[in-house]
Structure formats: structure tokens, C-alpha cells
Amino acid sequence: MNEILFATNNRHKVEEMRHALNGVVRILGLSEAGIVAELPEPWFTLEENALAKSTALHDLTGKDCFSEDTGLEVEALNGEPGVFSARYAGPGASDADNLALLLQKMKGINRRKARFRTVISLISSGQSFYFEGVCEGSIKETPIGTHGFGYDPVFQPDGSHLTFADMSLAEKNGFSHRRKAADKLVLFLQQYRQNHTTD
């Protein structure tokens, strides 16, 4: 497995995954692979959505591929926005729209505990595998920083005084939910390569 398709058009996610996988395998996003199809996200859990996207891409191409679904789960909001993080403010909502709605709902709330959770669904040789990563933290009252995307300007991971948006990509990867899931994927791919080169 020297090349793998990543079921996303989000260049930030592609960049983060390439940084995390560090050349273990070549990653192609949808646009780079010349794929323009919309992939489904119809379910109510990260696991189901990740599997739906990877399955759709595998059915379309027949190639090894993976997808990920990530949600911000805020304790005081009973886990919102969760699986709806990318469309919290409605279909077609921008990052700014979603962030504004979150801060509006959190106004006056002192309990700020939250976590980011990523689930990666890999389909390889017709088999499906899951890898999960979690980052615990809290929600700031106002956005801080200009890096990253999504809710990064208001999410401060435990163990840091910075938000994700105030960190470099290397600093963020020291805490990142996506990086933790990706590290498990890397270990799997390395073991896969070793097993298939010794057969």
C-alpha cells in the first residue's frame, strides 16, 4: 500500500493527515484524485458517518481509502455540536457561522469543558478498520489565534495555555485528536507493510 485515498476536500485535514502520516503512505484528497462526487454523511454517530464515506469512496474507486469524522463535544451542551459540528448552524454554514452559534449558546455558562473526537474509517483489501483519537479541553469565551480551522480559535486543550488556532501545526499535533487517531492508523499501516513484505 503505497498510496491511499482520503475522503475529503478539506485541504486543512489533508495537510494535518499528511503531517501525521509523515510519508508512510502517499495521501490523495478527493480533488487531487479527480473525484468530484459528494460523499454521504447521513448518520448520527461519527463512526457511522466515517464508514459511510469510506465505503462510498471504495465502492466508487475500488482502491484502499480512509475517511474521518470529527466532532466537538461540549459537556454543558449535552455533547453538541458533536456529529453536526461542520453544519451546526445549518446546511452550508461557514466555520464563522458555526463558531458564532457555539459562542452564543455558551454565553453565561461557566462549565466550559469540551473534547474533540476523531474517528477514522479505513477500508483496505476489502476489510474495514476503525481508529479513534480524543483531545480533552475547554471552550474559550472569545476566539484567539489565526491558524487552523473550524472551532480551533475557541478550543484550548488541557495542558496548554494556547488555543489550537494560536499553535503551529507541529504544536497542535502534540495534542490533536486527529493526530492521535492518525498515529494508530500509521502503526496499522506500518504493520501491514511489514506483513506483506515478509510474505
C-alpha atoms as a PDB file:
ATOM      1  CA  MET A   1       0.000   0.000   0.000  1.00  0.00           C
ATOM      2  CA  ASN A   2       1.957   2.999  -1.293  1.00  0.00           C
ATOM      3  CA  GLU A   3      -1.000   5.299  -1.969  1.00  0.00           C
ATOM      4  CA  ILE A   4      -4.303   5.805  -0.224  1.00  0.00           C
ATOM      5  CA  LEU A   5      -7.322   7.984  -0.956  1.00  0.00           C
ATOM      6  CA  PHE A   6      -8.613  10.329   1.738  1.00  0.00           C
ATOM      7  CA  ALA A   7     -12.355  11.009   1.520  1.00  0.00           C
ATOM      8  CA  THR A   8     -12.238  14.781   1.958  1.00  0.00           C
ATOM      9  CA  ASN A   9     -11.897  18.029   0.035  1.00  0.00           C
ATOM     10  CA  ASN A  10     -10.830  19.877   3.193  1.00  0.00           C
ATOM     11  CA  ARG A  11      -7.243  20.929   2.495  1.00  0.00           C
ATOM     12  CA  HIS A  12      -6.606  21.579   6.206  1.00  0.00           C
ATOM     13  CA  LYS A  13      -7.481  17.984   7.049  1.00  0.00           C
ATOM     14  CA  VAL A  14      -5.327  16.686   4.198  1.00  0.00           C
ATOM     15  CA  GLU A  15      -2.404  18.776   5.449  1.00  0.00           C
ATOM     16  CA  GLU A  16      -2.823  17.541   9.029  1.00  0.00           C
ATOM     17  CA  MET A  17      -3.047  13.900   7.949  1.00  0.00           C
ATOM     18  CA  ARG A  18      -0.001  14.182   5.681  1.00  0.00           C
ATOM     19  CA  HIS A  19       1.944  15.723   8.541  1.00  0.00           C
ATOM     20  CA  ALA A  20       0.797  12.944  10.870  1.00  0.00           C
ATOM     21  CA  LEU A  21       1.493  10.068   8.478  1.00  0.00           C
ATOM     22  CA  ASN A  22       4.921  11.538   7.652  1.00  0.00           C
ATOM     23  CA  GLY A  23       5.380   9.784   4.314  1.00  0.00           C
ATOM     24  CA  VAL A  24       4.388   6.309   5.497  1.00  0.00           C
ATOM     25  CA  VAL A  25       1.951   6.302   2.604  1.00  0.00           C
ATOM     26  CA  ARG A  26       1.066   8.872  -0.081  1.00  0.00           C
ATOM     27  CA  ILE A  27      -2.286  10.562   0.605  1.00  0.00           C
ATOM     28  CA  LEU A  28      -4.543  11.882  -2.136  1.00  0.00           C
ATOM     29  CA  GLY A  29      -7.541  14.049  -1.316  1.00  0.00           C
ATOM     30  CA  LEU A  30     -10.658  13.789  -3.471  1.00  0.00           C
ATOM     31  CA  SER A  31      -9.846  16.728  -5.733  1.00  0.00           C
ATOM     32  CA  GLU A  32      -6.264  15.504  -6.242  1.00  0.00           C
ATOM     33  CA  ALA A  33      -7.628  12.119  -7.274  1.00  0.00           C
ATOM     34  CA  GLY A  34     -10.023  13.787  -9.721  1.00  0.00           C
ATOM     35  CA  ILE A  35     -13.123  12.738  -7.762  1.00  0.00           C
ATOM     36  CA  VAL A  36     -15.991  15.219  -7.645  1.00  0.00           C
ATOM     37  CA  ALA A  37     -18.706  13.020  -6.072  1.00  0.00           C
ATOM     38  CA  GLU A  38     -20.418  14.140  -2.882  1.00  0.00           C
ATOM     39  CA  LEU A  39     -19.872  11.575  -0.137  1.00  0.00           C
ATOM     40  CA  PRO A  40     -22.720  10.849   2.315  1.00  0.00           C
ATOM     41  CA  GLU A  41     -22.802  11.881   5.973  1.00  0.00           C
ATOM     42  CA  PRO A  42     -26.356  10.820   6.855  1.00  0.00           C
ATOM     43  CA  TRP A  43     -25.893   9.266  10.281  1.00  0.00           C
ATOM     44  CA  PHE A  44     -25.954  10.330  13.908  1.00  0.00           C
ATOM     45  CA  THR A  45     -22.578   8.982  15.070  1.00  0.00           C
ATOM     46  CA  LEU A  46     -19.024   9.729  13.985  1.00  0.00           C
ATOM     47  CA  GLU A  47     -18.390   6.015  13.425  1.00  0.00           C
ATOM     48  CA  GLU A  48     -21.348   5.615  11.051  1.00  0.00           C
ATOM     49  CA  ASN A  49     -20.511   8.742   9.071  1.00  0.00           C
ATOM     50  CA  ALA A  50     -16.843   7.818   8.714  1.00  0.00           C
ATOM     51  CA  LEU A  51     -17.778   4.340   7.493  1.00  0.00           C
ATOM     52  CA  ALA A  52     -20.382   5.726   5.089  1.00  0.00           C
ATOM     53  CA  LYS A  53     -17.807   7.998   3.442  1.00  0.00           C
ATOM     54  CA  SER A  54     -15.047   5.406   3.191  1.00  0.00           C
ATOM     55  CA  THR A  55     -17.477   2.797   1.866  1.00  0.00           C
ATOM     56  CA  ALA A  56     -18.834   5.169  -0.773  1.00  0.00           C
ATOM     57  CA  LEU A  57     -15.307   6.067  -1.911  1.00  0.00           C
ATOM     58  CA  HIS A  58     -14.226   2.417  -2.011  1.00  0.00           C
ATOM     59  CA  ASP A  59     -17.329   1.470  -3.992  1.00  0.00           C
ATOM     60  CA  LEU A  60     -16.551   4.294  -6.425  1.00  0.00           C
ATOM     61  CA  THR A  61     -12.853   3.561  -6.940  1.00  0.00           C
ATOM     62  CA  GLY A  62     -12.135   0.038  -5.680  1.00  0.00           C
ATOM     63  CA  LYS A  63      -8.989   1.426  -4.018  1.00  0.00           C
ATOM     64  CA  ASP A  64      -7.745   1.439  -0.436  1.00  0.00           C
ATOM     65  CA  CYS A  65      -9.133   4.542   1.224  1.00  0.00           C
ATOM     66  CA  PHE A  66      -9.948   6.152   4.514  1.00  0.00           C
ATOM     67  CA  SER A  67     -12.244   8.822   5.848  1.00  0.00           C
ATOM     68  CA  GLU A  68     -12.591  10.584   9.137  1.00  0.00           C
ATOM     69  CA  ASP A  69     -15.377  12.269  11.002  1.00  0.00           C
ATOM     70  CA  THR A  70     -14.655  14.682  13.801  1.00  0.00           C
ATOM     71  CA  GLY A  71     -16.927  16.281  16.343  1.00  0.00           C
ATOM     72  CA  LEU A  72     -16.574  18.867  19.077  1.00  0.00           C
ATOM     73  CA  GLU A  73     -18.477  17.593  22.107  1.00  0.00           C
ATOM     74  CA  VAL A  74     -19.299  20.279  24.692  1.00  0.00           C
ATOM     75  CA  GLU A  75     -20.286  18.943  28.106  1.00  0.00           C
ATOM     76  CA  ALA A  76     -22.655  21.801  29.050  1.00  0.00           C
ATOM     77  CA  LEU A  77     -24.490  21.426  25.713  1.00  0.00           C
ATOM     78  CA  ASN A  78     -25.073  17.688  26.178  1.00  0.00           C
ATOM     79  CA  GLY A  79     -22.427  16.806  23.594  1.00  0.00           C
ATOM     80  CA  GLU A  80     -23.352  19.406  20.968  1.00  0.00           C
ATOM     81  CA  PRO A  81     -22.404  20.108  18.270  1.00  0.00           C
ATOM     82  CA  GLY A  82     -20.977  16.565  18.031  1.00  0.00           C
ATOM     83  CA  VAL A  83     -21.599  14.801  14.744  1.00  0.00           C
ATOM     84  CA  PHE A  84     -23.153  18.015  13.388  1.00  0.00           C
ATOM     85  CA  SER A  85     -20.035  20.120  14.059  1.00  0.00           C
ATOM     86  CA  ALA A  86     -19.429  21.003  10.396  1.00  0.00           C
ATOM     87  CA  ARG A  87     -23.068  22.060   9.857  1.00  0.00           C
ATOM     88  CA  TYR A  88     -24.038  23.240  13.336  1.00  0.00           C
ATOM     89  CA  ALA A  89     -25.532  26.490  12.060  1.00  0.00           C
ATOM     90  CA  GLY A  90     -27.319  24.714   9.206  1.00  0.00           C
ATOM     91  CA  PRO A  91     -26.562  23.313   5.746  1.00  0.00           C
ATOM     92  CA  GLY A  92     -23.841  25.300   4.006  1.00  0.00           C
ATOM     93  CA  ALA A  93     -22.817  27.068   7.221  1.00  0.00           C
ATOM     94  CA  SER A  94     -19.324  28.542   7.318  1.00  0.00           C
ATOM     95  CA  ASP A  95     -16.780  27.992  10.082  1.00  0.00           C
ATOM     96  CA  ALA A  96     -17.571  31.509  11.300  1.00  0.00           C
ATOM     97  CA  ASP A  97     -21.311  30.737  11.406  1.00  0.00           C
ATOM     98  CA  ASN A  98     -20.778  27.562  13.429  1.00  0.00           C
ATOM     99  CA  LEU A  99     -18.371  29.274  15.805  1.00  0.00           C
ATOM    100  CA  ALA A 100     -20.761  32.186  16.378  1.00  0.00           C
ATOM    101  CA  LEU A 101     -23.624  29.814  17.201  1.00  0.00           C
ATOM    102  CA  LEU A 102     -21.470  27.857  19.643  1.00  0.00           C
ATOM    103  CA  LEU A 103     -20.376  31.012  21.480  1.00  0.00           C
ATOM    104  CA  GLN A 104     -23.949  32.256  21.563  1.00  0.00           C
ATOM    105  CA  LYS A 105     -25.133  29.013  23.182  1.00  0.00           C
ATOM    106  CA  MET A 106     -22.222  29.077  25.649  1.00  0.00           C
ATOM    107  CA  LYS A 107     -22.834  32.683  26.724  1.00  0.00           C
ATOM    108  CA  GLY A 108     -23.076  32.921  30.512  1.00  0.00           C
ATOM    109  CA  ILE A 109     -22.169  29.264  31.028  1.00  0.00           C
ATOM    110  CA  ASN A 110     -19.273  28.656  33.395  1.00  0.00           C
ATOM    111  CA  ARG A 111     -18.887  24.936  32.657  1.00  0.00           C
ATOM    112  CA  ARG A 112     -16.602  25.103  29.607  1.00  0.00           C
ATOM    113  CA  LYS A 113     -15.323  21.516  29.437  1.00  0.00           C
ATOM    114  CA  ALA A 114     -15.260  20.018  25.939  1.00  0.00           C
ATOM    115  CA  ARG A 115     -13.463  17.476  23.831  1.00  0.00           C
ATOM    116  CA  PHE A 116     -12.642  16.890  20.208  1.00  0.00           C
ATOM    117  CA  ARG A 117     -13.138  13.320  18.989  1.00  0.00           C
ATOM    118  CA  THR A 118     -11.995  11.872  15.654  1.00  0.00           C
ATOM    119  CA  VAL A 119     -12.919   8.510  14.176  1.00  0.00           C
ATOM    120  CA  ILE A 120     -11.006   7.226  11.145  1.00  0.00           C
ATOM    121  CA  SER A 121     -12.546   4.510   8.990  1.00  0.00           C
ATOM    122  CA  LEU A 122     -10.055   2.631   6.799  1.00  0.00           C
ATOM    123  CA  ILE A 123     -11.020   0.182   4.079  1.00  0.00           C
ATOM    124  CA  SER A 124      -8.094  -1.944   2.955  1.00  0.00           C
ATOM    125  CA  SER A 125      -8.234  -5.158   0.942  1.00  0.00           C
ATOM    126  CA  GLY A 126     -11.995  -5.153   1.378  1.00  0.00           C
ATOM    127  CA  GLN A 127     -11.802  -5.040   5.189  1.00  0.00           C
ATOM    128  CA  SER A 128     -12.919  -2.185   7.449  1.00  0.00           C
ATOM    129  CA  PHE A 129     -10.942  -0.836  10.427  1.00  0.00           C
ATOM    130  CA  TYR A 130     -11.567   1.969  12.954  1.00  0.00           C
ATOM    131  CA  PHE A 131      -9.102   4.258  14.767  1.00  0.00           C
ATOM    132  CA  GLU A 132     -10.157   6.833  17.379  1.00  0.00           C
ATOM    133  CA  GLY A 133      -8.458   9.859  18.926  1.00  0.00           C
ATOM    134  CA  VAL A 134      -9.705  12.204  21.691  1.00  0.00           C
ATOM    135  CA  CYS A 135      -8.424  15.570  22.939  1.00  0.00           C
ATOM    136  CA  GLU A 136      -9.849  16.956  26.180  1.00  0.00           C
ATOM    137  CA  GLY A 137     -10.022  20.697  26.715  1.00  0.00           C
ATOM    138  CA  SER A 138     -12.287  23.683  27.228  1.00  0.00           C
ATOM    139  CA  ILE A 139     -14.094  26.415  25.281  1.00  0.00           C
ATOM    140  CA  LYS A 140     -12.765  29.990  25.478  1.00  0.00           C
ATOM    141  CA  GLU A 141     -15.213  32.876  25.688  1.00  0.00           C
ATOM    142  CA  THR A 142     -13.711  34.655  22.666  1.00  0.00           C
ATOM    143  CA  PRO A 143     -11.742  33.415  19.630  1.00  0.00           C
ATOM    144  CA  ILE A 144      -7.947  33.547  19.903  1.00  0.00           C
ATOM    145  CA  GLY A 145      -5.453  32.854  17.105  1.00  0.00           C
ATOM    146  CA  THR A 146      -5.421  32.790  13.323  1.00  0.00           C
ATOM    147  CA  HIS A 147      -4.257  29.255  12.474  1.00  0.00           C
ATOM    148  CA  GLY A 148      -6.258  26.082  11.998  1.00  0.00           C
ATOM    149  CA  PHE A 149      -9.931  25.929  11.080  1.00  0.00           C
ATOM    150  CA  GLY A 150     -13.375  25.182  12.464  1.00  0.00           C
ATOM    151  CA  TYR A 151     -13.601  25.611  16.229  1.00  0.00           C
ATOM    152  CA  ASP A 152      -9.816  25.874  16.708  1.00  0.00           C
ATOM    153  CA  PRO A 153      -9.941  29.564  17.802  1.00  0.00           C
ATOM    154  CA  VAL A 154     -12.026  28.732  20.898  1.00  0.00           C
ATOM    155  CA  PHE A 155     -10.702  25.288  21.851  1.00  0.00           C
ATOM    156  CA  GLN A 156      -7.920  25.186  24.450  1.00  0.00           C
ATOM    157  CA  PRO A 157      -6.553  21.674  25.016  1.00  0.00           C
ATOM    158  CA  ASP A 158      -5.795  20.553  28.556  1.00  0.00           C
ATOM    159  CA  GLY A 159      -2.134  21.131  29.357  1.00  0.00           C
ATOM    160  CA  SER A 160      -1.744  24.260  27.228  1.00  0.00           C
ATOM    161  CA  HIS A 161      -2.477  27.968  27.647  1.00  0.00           C
ATOM    162  CA  LEU A 162      -2.992  28.336  23.882  1.00  0.00           C
ATOM    163  CA  THR A 163      -5.954  27.613  21.658  1.00  0.00           C
ATOM    164  CA  PHE A 164      -5.474  25.326  18.654  1.00  0.00           C
ATOM    165  CA  ALA A 165      -5.663  28.410  16.423  1.00  0.00           C
ATOM    166  CA  ASP A 166      -2.766  30.007  18.321  1.00  0.00           C
ATOM    167  CA  MET A 167      -0.496  26.990  17.706  1.00  0.00           C
ATOM    168  CA  SER A 168       1.654  25.934  14.790  1.00  0.00           C
ATOM    169  CA  LEU A 169       0.634  22.660  13.150  1.00  0.00           C
ATOM    170  CA  ALA A 170       3.516  20.904  14.923  1.00  0.00           C
ATOM    171  CA  GLU A 171       2.359  22.272  18.294  1.00  0.00           C
ATOM    172  CA  LYS A 172      -1.255  21.322  17.600  1.00  0.00           C
ATOM    173  CA  ASN A 173      -0.218  17.782  16.704  1.00  0.00           C
ATOM    174  CA  GLY A 174       1.172  17.417  20.209  1.00  0.00           C
ATOM    175  CA  PHE A 175      -2.416  17.460  21.467  1.00  0.00           C
ATOM    176  CA  SER A 176      -4.578  16.781  18.438  1.00  0.00           C
ATOM    177  CA  HIS A 177      -7.416  14.250  18.402  1.00  0.00           C
ATOM    178  CA  ARG A 178      -6.852  13.789  14.666  1.00  0.00           C
ATOM    179  CA  ARG A 179      -3.154  13.146  15.248  1.00  0.00           C
ATOM    180  CA  LYS A 180      -3.909  10.540  17.926  1.00  0.00           C
ATOM    181  CA  ALA A 181      -6.227   8.689  15.557  1.00  0.00           C
ATOM    182  CA  ALA A 182      -3.699   9.092  12.734  1.00  0.00           C
ATOM    183  CA  ASP A 183      -0.905   7.636  14.896  1.00  0.00           C
ATOM    184  CA  LYS A 184      -2.988   4.479  15.319  1.00  0.00           C
ATOM    185  CA  LEU A 185      -3.553   4.404  11.557  1.00  0.00           C
ATOM    186  CA  VAL A 186       0.193   4.813  10.950  1.00  0.00           C
ATOM    187  CA  LEU A 187       1.003   1.900  13.276  1.00  0.00           C
ATOM    188  CA  PHE A 188      -1.526  -0.256  11.421  1.00  0.00           C
ATOM    189  CA  LEU A 189      -0.115   0.706   8.002  1.00  0.00           C
ATOM    190  CA  GLN A 190       3.459   0.018   9.147  1.00  0.00           C
ATOM    191  CA  GLN A 191       2.463  -3.419  10.416  1.00  0.00           C
ATOM    192  CA  TYR A 192       0.522  -4.043   7.194  1.00  0.00           C
ATOM    193  CA  ARG A 193       3.594  -3.189   5.122  1.00  0.00           C
ATOM    194  CA  GLN A 194       5.856  -5.406   7.232  1.00  0.00           C
ATOM    195  CA  ASN A 195       3.462  -8.346   6.984  1.00  0.00           C
ATOM    196  CA  HIS A 196       3.164  -8.022   3.218  1.00  0.00           C
ATOM    197  CA  THR A 197       6.868  -7.595   2.551  1.00  0.00           C
ATOM    198  CA  THR A 198       7.714 -10.746   4.522  1.00  0.00           C
ATOM    199  CA  ASP A 199       5.019 -12.938   2.922  1.00  0.00           C
END
